[in-house]
Protein backbone atom coordinates (compact mmCIF):
# COMPACT_ATOMS: atom_id res chain seq x y z
CA UNK A 1 -43.28 -24.06 18.35
CA UNK A 2 -45.74 -26.05 20.38
CA UNK A 3 -49.44 -25.46 20.79
CA UNK A 4 -50.25 -23.53 23.94
CA UNK A 5 -53.55 -24.44 25.60
CA UNK A 6 -53.76 -20.83 26.89
CA UNK A 7 -54.22 -19.43 23.36
CA UNK A 8 -57.62 -18.77 21.89
CA UNK A 9 -58.68 -20.96 18.95
CA UNK A 10 -58.45 -17.96 16.63
CA UNK A 11 -54.92 -17.07 17.74
CA UNK A 12 -53.92 -20.72 17.52
CA UNK A 13 -55.24 -20.95 13.96
CA UNK A 14 -53.40 -17.78 12.94
CA UNK A 15 -50.14 -19.12 14.37
CA UNK A 16 -50.62 -22.51 12.72
CA UNK A 17 -51.04 -20.75 9.38
CA UNK A 18 -48.38 -18.03 9.82
CA UNK A 19 -45.38 -19.91 11.23
CA UNK A 20 -44.92 -22.22 8.20
CA UNK A 21 -45.16 -19.16 5.93
CA UNK A 22 -42.50 -17.38 7.97
CA UNK A 23 -40.29 -20.43 7.70
CA UNK A 24 -40.70 -20.50 3.93
CA UNK A 25 -39.92 -16.77 3.69
CA UNK A 26 -36.77 -17.18 5.78
CA UNK A 27 -35.67 -20.06 3.54
CA UNK A 28 -36.38 -17.96 0.44
CA UNK A 29 -34.34 -15.03 1.76
CA UNK A 30 -31.50 -17.34 2.74
CA UNK A 31 -31.47 -18.96 -0.69
CA UNK A 32 -31.45 -15.53 -2.32
CA UNK A 33 -28.53 -14.43 -0.14
CA UNK A 34 -26.56 -17.59 -0.95
CA UNK A 35 -27.22 -17.09 -4.67
CA UNK A 36 -26.08 -13.45 -4.52
CA UNK A 37 -22.83 -14.44 -2.80
CA UNK A 38 -22.24 -17.16 -5.39
CA UNK A 39 -22.81 -14.67 -8.22
CA UNK A 40 -20.36 -12.19 -6.70
CA UNK A 41 -17.71 -14.82 -6.03
CA UNK A 42 -18.08 -16.19 -9.55
CA UNK A 43 -17.69 -12.70 -11.01
CA UNK A 44 -14.59 -12.02 -8.88
CA UNK A 45 -13.01 -15.32 -9.92
CA UNK A 46 -13.60 -14.69 -13.63
CA UNK A 47 -12.42 -11.10 -13.29
CA UNK A 48 -9.13 -12.07 -11.65
CA UNK A 49 -8.45 -15.10 -13.84
CA UNK A 50 -9.60 -13.18 -16.95
CA UNK A 51 -11.64 -16.28 -17.70
CA UNK A 52 -14.27 -14.72 -19.93
CA UNK A 53 -14.73 -14.53 -23.68
CA UNK A 54 -17.11 -11.61 -24.04
CA UNK A 55 -15.77 -8.39 -22.60
CA UNK A 56 -19.09 -6.65 -23.22
CA UNK A 57 -20.99 -9.33 -21.27
CA UNK A 58 -18.52 -9.00 -18.39
CA UNK A 59 -18.89 -5.22 -18.41
CA UNK A 60 -22.66 -5.63 -18.26
CA UNK A 61 -22.36 -8.02 -15.29
CA UNK A 62 -20.14 -5.45 -13.60
CA UNK A 63 -22.71 -2.71 -14.14
CA UNK A 64 -25.41 -4.97 -12.70
CA UNK A 65 -23.24 -5.40 -9.59
CA UNK A 66 -22.64 -1.64 -9.33
CA UNK A 67 -19.20 -1.36 -10.95
CA UNK A 68 -18.28 0.74 -13.97
CA UNK A 69 -15.13 -0.69 -15.55
CA UNK A 70 -14.84 2.18 -17.99
CA UNK A 71 -13.47 3.91 -14.89
CA UNK A 72 -10.22 3.11 -13.07
CA UNK A 73 -10.32 -0.11 -11.06
CA UNK A 74 -8.23 -1.12 -8.05
CA UNK A 75 -8.36 -4.32 -6.01
CA UNK A 76 -7.81 -4.79 -2.29
CA UNK A 77 -7.10 -8.24 -0.89
CA UNK A 78 -7.38 -9.42 2.72
CA UNK A 79 -5.85 -12.81 3.36
CA UNK A 80 -7.41 -14.66 6.28
CA UNK A 81 -4.31 -15.87 8.11
CA UNK A 82 -6.16 -18.42 10.23
CA UNK A 83 -9.67 -19.82 10.26
CA UNK A 84 -9.43 -21.07 13.85
CA UNK A 85 -8.42 -19.50 17.11
CA UNK A 86 -5.58 -20.94 19.25
CA UNK A 87 -6.62 -24.07 21.07
CA UNK A 88 -9.57 -24.70 18.79
CA UNK A 89 -9.79 -27.58 16.35
CA UNK A 90 -9.05 -26.79 12.72
CA UNK A 91 -12.08 -25.33 11.02
CA UNK A 92 -13.93 -27.81 8.81
CA UNK A 93 -14.92 -27.09 5.22
CA UNK A 94 -18.57 -26.43 6.04
CA UNK A 95 -17.67 -24.14 8.94
CA UNK A 96 -15.18 -22.31 6.72
CA UNK A 97 -17.86 -21.71 4.08
CA UNK A 98 -20.25 -20.31 6.68
CA UNK A 99 -17.52 -18.10 8.10
CA UNK A 100 -16.60 -16.83 4.63
CA UNK A 101 -20.23 -15.91 3.98
CA UNK A 102 -20.40 -14.14 7.34
CA UNK A 103 -17.24 -12.17 6.58
CA UNK A 104 -18.51 -11.25 3.13
CA UNK A 105 -21.87 -10.04 4.46
CA UNK A 106 -20.34 -8.10 7.35
CA UNK A 107 -17.76 -6.31 5.23
CA UNK A 108 -20.35 -5.48 2.58
CA UNK A 109 -22.57 -3.86 5.21
CA UNK A 110 -19.61 -1.92 6.60
CA UNK A 111 -18.49 -0.64 3.20
CA UNK A 112 -22.02 0.41 2.30
CA UNK A 113 -21.59 3.03 5.02
CA UNK A 114 -17.90 3.92 4.65
CA UNK A 115 -16.54 3.22 1.15
CA UNK A 116 -15.58 6.32 -0.87
CA UNK A 117 -16.02 4.39 -4.13
CA UNK A 118 -18.33 1.77 -5.67
CA UNK A 119 -17.26 -1.68 -4.53
CA UNK A 120 -17.90 -5.40 -4.62
CA UNK A 121 -16.86 -7.86 -1.91
CA UNK A 122 -16.09 -11.43 -2.93
CA UNK A 123 -14.10 -14.42 -1.75
CA UNK A 124 -11.31 -16.16 -3.62
CA UNK A 125 -9.71 -19.08 -1.83
CA UNK A 126 -9.08 -17.95 1.74
CA UNK A 127 -8.98 -14.26 0.82
CA UNK A 128 -11.53 -11.48 0.83
CA UNK A 129 -11.34 -9.45 -2.36
CA UNK A 130 -12.69 -5.91 -2.59
CA UNK A 131 -13.08 -4.67 -6.17
CA UNK A 132 -13.35 -0.89 -6.42
CA UNK A 133 -13.90 1.51 -9.33
CA UNK A 134 -13.06 5.19 -9.22
CA UNK A 135 -14.33 8.17 -11.28
CA UNK A 136 -12.06 9.45 -14.07
CA UNK A 137 -11.57 12.87 -12.48
CA UNK A 138 -9.52 11.28 -9.68
CA UNK A 139 -5.82 10.90 -10.46
CA UNK A 140 -3.72 7.80 -9.78
CA UNK A 141 -2.04 9.24 -6.68
CA UNK A 142 -5.37 10.33 -5.21
CA UNK A 143 -6.91 6.92 -5.89
CA UNK A 144 -3.93 5.05 -4.44
CA UNK A 145 -3.97 7.19 -1.31
CA UNK A 146 -7.73 6.81 -0.81
CA UNK A 147 -7.58 3.04 -1.43
CA UNK A 148 -4.71 2.65 1.05
CA UNK A 149 -6.68 4.51 3.70
CA UNK A 150 -9.75 2.40 2.92
CA UNK A 151 -7.68 -0.78 3.30
CA UNK A 152 -6.37 0.30 6.70
CA UNK A 153 -9.92 1.05 7.87
CA UNK A 154 -11.11 -2.33 6.60
CA UNK A 155 -8.33 -4.12 8.47
CA UNK A 156 -9.23 -2.32 11.69
CA UNK A 157 -12.87 -3.28 11.22
CA UNK A 158 -12.06 -6.93 10.52
CA UNK A 159 -9.75 -7.18 13.54
CA UNK A 160 -12.37 -5.60 15.78
CA UNK A 161 -15.30 -7.64 14.46
CA UNK A 162 -13.51 -10.99 14.12
CA UNK A 163 -10.86 -10.99 16.89
CA UNK A 164 -10.20 -14.75 16.67
CA UNK A 165 -9.03 -14.45 13.07
CA UNK A 166 -5.86 -12.94 11.63
CA UNK A 167 -5.87 -10.71 8.54
CA UNK A 168 -3.20 -9.25 6.26
CA UNK A 169 -4.15 -6.69 3.62
CA UNK A 170 -2.71 -5.86 0.22
CA UNK A 171 -3.39 -2.93 -2.11
CA UNK A 172 -2.77 -3.14 -5.86
CA UNK A 173 -2.17 -0.29 -8.28
CA UNK A 174 -4.95 1.54 -10.16
CA UNK A 175 -5.57 -0.06 -13.56
CA UNK A 176 -7.57 1.08 -16.56
CA UNK A 177 -10.07 -1.34 -18.06
CA UNK A 178 -11.57 -4.65 -17.08
CA UNK A 179 -8.71 -6.61 -18.68
CA UNK A 180 -6.25 -5.10 -16.19
CA UNK A 181 -8.21 -5.97 -13.04
CA UNK A 182 -6.35 -9.25 -12.64
CA UNK A 183 -3.05 -7.35 -12.61
CA UNK A 184 -4.21 -5.19 -9.71
CA UNK A 185 -5.12 -8.38 -7.80
CA UNK A 186 -1.69 -9.91 -8.50
CA UNK A 187 -0.01 -6.76 -7.23
CA UNK A 188 -2.10 -6.75 -4.05
CA UNK A 189 -1.32 -10.42 -3.41
CA UNK A 190 2.40 -9.88 -4.08
CA UNK A 191 2.36 -7.04 -1.54
CA UNK A 192 0.84 -9.43 1.03
CA UNK A 193 3.35 -12.19 0.32
CA UNK A 194 6.35 -9.85 0.55
CA UNK A 195 5.01 -7.97 3.55
CA UNK A 196 4.41 -11.17 5.49
CA UNK A 197 7.92 -12.37 4.70
CA UNK A 198 9.62 -9.13 5.68
CA UNK A 199 7.49 -7.76 8.54
CA UNK A 200 4.89 -10.40 9.33
CA UNK A 201 1.11 -10.50 9.07
CA UNK A 202 -1.56 -8.31 10.57
CA UNK A 203 -0.77 -5.20 8.49
CA UNK A 204 -1.73 -3.57 5.20
CA UNK A 205 0.94 -3.63 2.51
CA UNK A 206 0.75 -1.43 -0.59
CA UNK A 207 2.34 -2.49 -3.85
CA UNK A 208 3.42 1.06 -4.65
CA UNK A 209 5.51 1.10 -1.47
CA UNK A 210 7.45 -2.11 -2.17
CA UNK A 211 10.18 -0.14 -3.93
CA UNK A 212 13.25 -2.18 -4.81
CA UNK A 213 11.55 -5.37 -3.60
CA UNK A 214 9.44 -5.29 -6.77
CA UNK A 215 12.59 -5.62 -8.85
CA UNK A 216 14.14 -8.27 -6.63
CA UNK A 217 11.01 -10.42 -6.67
CA UNK A 218 10.79 -10.29 -10.45
CA UNK A 219 14.37 -11.56 -10.81
CA UNK A 220 14.26 -14.88 -12.72
CA UNK A 221 17.03 -16.57 -10.70
CA UNK A 222 16.75 -16.41 -6.86
CA UNK A 223 20.05 -18.28 -6.56
CA UNK A 224 21.80 -15.33 -8.17
CA UNK A 225 20.29 -13.06 -5.54
CA UNK A 226 21.47 -15.39 -2.79
CA UNK A 227 24.97 -15.43 -4.28
CA UNK A 228 25.05 -11.62 -4.28
CA UNK A 229 23.80 -11.53 -0.69
CA UNK A 230 26.50 -13.97 0.44
CA UNK A 231 29.23 -12.22 -1.53
CA UNK A 232 28.53 -8.85 0.09
CA UNK A 233 27.23 -9.75 3.57
CA UNK A 234 28.44 -13.31 4.10
CA UNK A 235 31.54 -12.38 6.15
CA UNK A 236 29.41 -10.24 8.46
CA UNK A 237 26.82 -12.97 8.94
CA UNK A 238 29.56 -15.50 9.74
CA UNK A 239 31.19 -13.14 12.24
CA UNK A 240 27.86 -12.51 13.97
CA UNK A 241 27.23 -16.25 14.18
CA UNK A 242 30.57 -16.87 15.88
CA UNK A 243 30.84 -13.76 18.05
CA UNK A 244 27.16 -12.85 18.64
CA UNK A 245 28.14 -9.34 17.65
CA UNK A 246 24.88 -8.06 16.06
CA UNK A 247 26.81 -6.23 13.36
CA UNK A 248 24.34 -7.19 10.61
CA UNK A 249 21.40 -5.98 12.70
CA UNK A 250 23.20 -2.71 13.43
CA UNK A 251 24.01 -2.10 9.77
CA UNK A 252 20.39 -2.77 8.75
CA UNK A 253 19.09 -0.44 11.47
CA UNK A 254 21.56 2.24 10.38
CA UNK A 255 20.17 2.27 6.85
CA UNK A 256 16.58 1.96 8.10
CA UNK A 257 17.08 5.14 10.16
CA UNK A 258 18.48 7.19 7.28
CA UNK A 259 22.10 6.69 8.40
CA UNK A 260 21.42 8.57 11.64
CA UNK A 261 23.67 7.16 14.38
CA UNK A 262 21.61 8.61 17.25
CA UNK A 263 18.31 7.31 15.86
CA UNK A 264 19.91 3.91 15.26
CA UNK A 265 21.23 3.82 18.83
CA UNK A 266 17.79 4.68 20.21
CA UNK A 267 16.17 1.93 18.14
CA UNK A 268 18.71 -0.65 19.33
CA UNK A 269 18.77 0.62 22.95
CA UNK A 270 22.55 1.12 22.90
CA UNK A 271 24.92 4.08 23.17
CA UNK A 272 25.71 5.98 19.93
CA UNK A 273 29.40 5.14 20.42
CA UNK A 274 28.45 1.45 20.38
CA UNK A 275 26.77 1.98 17.01
CA UNK A 276 29.83 3.79 15.66
CA UNK A 277 32.12 1.00 16.81
CA UNK A 278 29.91 -1.68 15.25
CA UNK A 279 29.69 0.19 11.95
CA UNK A 280 33.46 0.63 11.82
CA UNK A 281 33.92 -3.06 12.61
CA UNK A 282 31.39 -4.08 9.95
CA UNK A 283 33.01 -1.88 7.30
CA UNK A 284 36.43 -3.35 8.06
CA UNK A 285 35.17 -6.96 7.92
CA UNK A 286 33.43 -6.30 4.60
CA UNK A 287 36.18 -4.19 3.08
CA UNK A 288 33.72 -1.37 2.46
CA UNK A 289 33.73 2.38 3.00
CA UNK A 290 30.46 3.72 4.41
CA UNK A 291 31.40 7.19 3.21
CA UNK A 292 31.37 6.02 -0.40
CA UNK A 293 27.95 6.00 -2.10
CA UNK A 294 28.66 2.95 -4.29
CA UNK A 295 29.57 0.84 -1.25
CA UNK A 296 26.51 2.04 0.65
CA UNK A 297 24.30 1.20 -2.33
CA UNK A 298 25.67 -2.35 -2.59
CA UNK A 299 25.26 -2.91 1.14
CA UNK A 300 21.72 -1.51 1.02
CA UNK A 301 20.80 -3.79 -1.88
CA UNK A 302 22.30 -6.85 -0.18
CA UNK A 303 20.36 -6.04 2.99
CA UNK A 304 17.14 -5.87 0.97
CA UNK A 305 17.91 -9.32 -0.45
CA UNK A 306 18.59 -10.56 3.08
CA UNK A 307 15.19 -9.19 4.05
CA UNK A 308 13.61 -11.48 1.45
CA UNK A 309 15.98 -14.40 2.06
CA UNK A 310 17.29 -14.17 5.63
CA UNK A 311 20.48 -15.90 6.68
CA UNK A 312 19.81 -19.15 8.54
CA UNK A 313 22.27 -20.83 10.94
CA UNK A 314 22.18 -24.10 8.99
CA UNK A 315 22.85 -22.17 5.80
CA UNK A 316 25.96 -20.56 7.28
CA UNK A 317 27.28 -23.83 8.60
CA UNK A 318 26.93 -25.46 5.21
CA UNK A 319 28.87 -22.59 3.65
CA UNK A 320 31.69 -23.09 6.13
CA UNK A 321 31.97 -26.86 5.60
């Protein structure tokens, strides 16, 4: 602001007095906003890490922030896949902090209009965390369904509002009590990690839909899983590597399409007879009978392991040496 000679002395005096006050008020509001975000992020961190001694004090903090942990709680997580757009320099720490605050404010405003349940938006690391609580009259299935729909809507909003960033969402299971909130977060994050590995980012993954992957990921010895994968599917992977036959891809598509040859052919853009030939060839190479349930189960399980730990060319070559 610069003094304008065209203003009357009275107007000039009013401006000289008012502008500094406006500046102070803006600074006060900014400081208040920063403090509120810090309080929310601190609460989210302690809630997830279970880093609190007094449960009653934590419950009171939750009530102050609008959450009733005597009700069912469920956590949604949205990992920010990238903090810079292609061709732009890597985002610095200060810029990242400002962007996190912007994301937190924007999503809070959006959920104030659209969330079906009380919520709190916080940041943990590079991830947005949405803590929700649900009334006791809603059952687990109803809560899970509503939370999944909410997560999909949030992802659409984030993609639309922040197109230069990438987001992947995860939905945990409903949990009872404040001591179980961290478990819901872990489930949501595990859904993100597995979903990214199997299908890539940019989607919402729900823990309750992970199915057999939940068991495979909890296995204490990944090498044992790899050994089972190689024992069942290794010959097929080696044959594909040498002949470029796509038998492994065809077998996976066959199971993914409920063992429907026509649907598998449509997905692979080949003739159904081509699918039949590939399946017969795969069964012969593996010494399996696709009409026998036990063989189909073992192949299905091995394919799920291969989804978590894909075959790599270097890996196959080492096995042949």
